[in-house]
Protein backbone atom coordinates (compact mmCIF):
# COMPACT_ATOMS: atom_id res chain seq x y z
CA UNK A 1 2.57 12.38 70.23
CA UNK A 2 1.39 14.72 67.40
CA UNK A 3 2.61 12.47 64.83
CA UNK A 4 1.76 9.24 65.98
CA UNK A 5 -2.16 11.09 66.13
CA UNK A 6 -1.20 12.02 62.50
CA UNK A 7 0.00 8.19 61.53
CA UNK A 8 -3.16 6.66 63.09
CA UNK A 9 -5.42 8.88 61.50
CA UNK A 10 -3.83 8.64 57.73
CA UNK A 11 -4.16 4.40 59.08
CA UNK A 12 -7.66 4.86 59.85
CA UNK A 13 -8.71 6.17 56.34
CA UNK A 14 -10.20 3.75 53.63
CA UNK A 15 -8.02 2.27 51.49
CA UNK A 16 -9.42 4.41 48.45
CA UNK A 17 -8.55 7.65 50.03
CA UNK A 18 -5.29 6.80 49.04
CA UNK A 19 -3.49 7.38 46.26
CA UNK A 20 -1.18 4.56 45.69
CA UNK A 21 -3.87 2.02 45.30
CA UNK A 22 -5.58 4.30 42.00
CA UNK A 23 -2.27 4.50 40.78
CA UNK A 24 -1.48 0.79 41.25
CA UNK A 25 -4.55 0.10 39.83
CA UNK A 26 -4.30 2.47 36.78
CA UNK A 27 -1.63 0.18 34.54
CA UNK A 28 -3.92 -2.80 34.54
CA UNK A 29 -6.99 -0.55 33.91
CA UNK A 30 -4.87 0.75 31.12
CA UNK A 31 -4.24 -2.53 29.32
CA UNK A 32 -8.05 -3.95 29.99
CA UNK A 33 -8.94 -0.40 27.88
CA UNK A 34 -6.35 -1.06 25.18
CA UNK A 35 -7.41 -4.94 25.21
CA UNK A 36 -11.63 -3.92 24.17
CA UNK A 37 -9.83 -1.33 21.95
CA UNK A 38 -7.83 -3.64 20.02
CA UNK A 39 -10.99 -6.26 19.45
CA UNK A 40 -13.26 -3.50 18.74
CA UNK A 41 -10.48 -2.77 15.72
CA UNK A 42 -10.04 -6.85 15.08
CA UNK A 43 -13.81 -7.30 14.52
CA UNK A 44 -15.04 -3.86 12.65
CA UNK A 45 -11.61 -3.25 10.02
CA UNK A 46 -11.63 -6.03 7.13
CA UNK A 47 -8.08 -8.01 6.68
CA UNK A 48 -7.69 -6.52 2.78
CA UNK A 49 -4.39 -9.70 2.73
CA UNK A 50 -6.26 -12.07 3.10
CA UNK A 51 -6.95 -14.32 -0.01
CA UNK A 52 -10.35 -16.19 0.15
CA UNK A 53 -8.95 -18.74 -2.73
CA UNK A 54 -5.41 -19.91 -2.68
CA UNK A 55 -5.63 -22.33 -5.49
CA UNK A 56 -6.63 -20.11 -8.27
CA UNK A 57 -4.55 -17.26 -6.43
CA UNK A 58 -1.63 -19.89 -7.36
CA UNK A 59 -2.49 -20.00 -10.85
CA UNK A 60 -2.88 -16.63 -11.78
CA UNK A 61 0.57 -15.96 -10.31
CA UNK A 62 2.10 -18.51 -13.04
CA UNK A 63 0.20 -16.74 -15.68
CA UNK A 64 1.51 -13.89 -14.35
CA UNK A 65 4.90 -15.40 -15.02
CA UNK A 66 4.12 -16.05 -18.57
CA UNK A 67 3.20 -12.73 -19.18
CA UNK A 68 6.39 -11.30 -17.69
CA UNK A 69 8.25 -13.98 -20.01
CA UNK A 70 6.26 -12.47 -23.09
CA UNK A 71 7.02 -8.87 -22.09
CA UNK A 72 10.55 -10.01 -21.71
CA UNK A 73 11.19 -11.59 -24.85
CA UNK A 74 9.34 -8.50 -26.49
CA UNK A 75 12.13 -6.12 -25.06
CA UNK A 76 9.29 -3.94 -23.14
CA UNK A 77 10.52 -1.55 -21.00
CA UNK A 78 8.58 1.79 -19.65
CA UNK A 79 8.87 5.35 -17.97
CA UNK A 80 6.79 7.11 -15.96
CA UNK A 81 6.69 11.01 -13.90
CA UNK A 82 4.39 12.34 -11.84
CA UNK A 83 3.83 15.96 -11.90
CA UNK A 84 1.48 16.90 -8.97
CA UNK A 85 1.78 20.65 -9.76
CA UNK A 86 -0.27 19.86 -13.09
CA UNK A 87 -1.48 16.81 -12.12
CA UNK A 88 -0.55 14.31 -14.90
CA UNK A 89 1.03 11.39 -15.28
CA UNK A 90 2.74 10.87 -18.33
CA UNK A 91 5.13 8.25 -19.99
CA UNK A 92 6.27 6.02 -22.80
CA UNK A 93 6.26 2.35 -22.79
CA UNK A 94 8.96 0.87 -25.69
CA UNK A 95 9.49 -2.55 -27.28
CA UNK A 96 12.91 -3.54 -29.42
CA UNK A 97 12.51 0.31 -30.47
CA UNK A 98 8.93 0.15 -31.27
CA UNK A 99 6.07 1.71 -28.87
CA UNK A 100 3.45 -0.63 -27.61
CA UNK A 101 0.12 -0.54 -29.98
CA UNK A 102 -3.00 -0.30 -28.81
CA UNK A 103 -4.14 1.05 -25.22
CA UNK A 104 -2.37 0.14 -22.15
CA UNK A 105 -3.95 -0.61 -18.62
CA UNK A 106 -1.70 1.55 -15.99
CA UNK A 107 -2.64 0.28 -12.29
CA UNK A 108 -1.33 1.85 -9.29
CA UNK A 109 -1.68 -0.49 -6.09
CA UNK A 110 -1.54 1.29 -2.55
CA UNK A 111 0.78 -1.14 -0.38
CA UNK A 112 -2.02 -1.66 2.55
CA UNK A 113 -5.01 0.12 2.01
CA UNK A 114 -6.74 -1.21 -1.45
CA UNK A 115 -9.52 1.63 -1.17
CA UNK A 116 -6.48 4.07 -2.84
CA UNK A 117 -5.70 1.55 -6.08
CA UNK A 118 -5.79 3.51 -9.02
CA UNK A 119 -6.78 2.54 -12.84
CA UNK A 120 -6.13 4.03 -15.58
CA UNK A 121 -6.29 3.40 -19.47
CA UNK A 122 -4.55 4.72 -21.55
CA UNK A 123 -4.47 5.34 -25.59
CA UNK A 124 -0.27 6.09 -26.39
CA UNK A 125 -0.01 8.11 -29.37
CA UNK A 126 2.69 6.82 -32.76
CA UNK A 127 5.99 7.38 -30.67
CA UNK A 128 4.56 5.71 -27.10
CA UNK A 129 4.05 8.47 -25.52
CA UNK A 130 0.79 8.57 -23.57
CA UNK A 131 -0.44 11.38 -20.43
CA UNK A 132 -2.93 10.93 -18.11
CA UNK A 133 -4.94 13.46 -15.49
CA UNK A 134 -4.36 12.17 -11.82
CA UNK A 135 -5.04 13.43 -8.74
CA UNK A 136 -2.96 14.10 -6.13
CA UNK A 137 -0.37 10.81 -4.92
CA UNK A 138 -0.39 9.46 -1.39
CA UNK A 139 2.86 9.51 -0.11
CA UNK A 140 3.37 5.60 -0.51
CA UNK A 141 5.21 2.62 -1.88
CA UNK A 142 2.89 2.04 -4.62
CA UNK A 143 2.98 -1.20 -6.97
CA UNK A 144 2.61 -0.31 -10.63
CA UNK A 145 1.38 -2.73 -12.84
CA UNK A 146 1.43 -1.74 -16.42
CA UNK A 147 -0.50 -4.42 -19.73
CA UNK A 148 -1.30 -4.08 -22.58
CA UNK A 149 -5.45 -4.17 -22.99
CA UNK A 150 -5.46 -7.81 -24.26
CA UNK A 151 -3.73 -8.71 -20.56
CA UNK A 152 -1.11 -10.76 -22.55
CA UNK A 153 1.93 -9.44 -21.39
CA UNK A 154 3.03 -7.04 -17.89
CA UNK A 155 5.08 -4.74 -16.80
CA UNK A 156 5.65 -4.18 -12.62
CA UNK A 157 7.62 -2.48 -10.00
CA UNK A 158 7.59 -1.05 -7.22
CA UNK A 159 7.01 3.12 -6.61
CA UNK A 160 8.25 5.03 -3.75
CA UNK A 161 6.60 8.36 -4.31
CA UNK A 162 7.56 10.99 -3.69
CA UNK A 163 11.22 9.90 -2.97
CA UNK A 164 11.06 8.89 -6.87
CA UNK A 165 9.83 11.39 -9.40
CA UNK A 166 10.07 9.23 -11.82
CA UNK A 167 10.51 5.60 -12.51
CA UNK A 168 11.93 3.23 -15.05
CA UNK A 169 10.14 -0.23 -15.66
CA UNK A 170 12.18 -2.78 -17.36
CA UNK A 171 11.20 -6.96 -18.97
CA UNK A 172 12.93 -9.31 -16.09
CA UNK A 173 14.82 -11.50 -17.93
CA UNK A 174 13.60 -14.87 -19.05
CA UNK A 175 14.74 -17.73 -17.17
């Protein structure tokens, strides 16, 4: 008889005093909150991977391929090494046994965050070696682009820092 009263008292309580309805509503409520947060991220962050003018990008790719062929014809190759303790990026650019002449543009492009891209302008010495001050690199997959100041040739490769302390970049062979 006493258990019957407890059961009927439990049944007589309103639904919101029980814990099971709240537990069952928690899942859908979390999904709604996550959806609102995702929508907020989508509208407040700029999508840096979308290109506005695809035609110009296609023309630029063809120019880049031409510059790759010129670097290959010149037999260019480069080596880069980053010393984090000293904050120095050092390296050399050589082609067919000769050092590259003129100033060089070195770009380190972060794979996912364009605001972390780094551009350096270096002057190699007579032996083709150079050194530049560089703040601490983030652990990331960097796209390395080395080109002449006139942009008539280029060398490029991916660099996984800090797994690779140094890299060797060779011009791709002509096709």
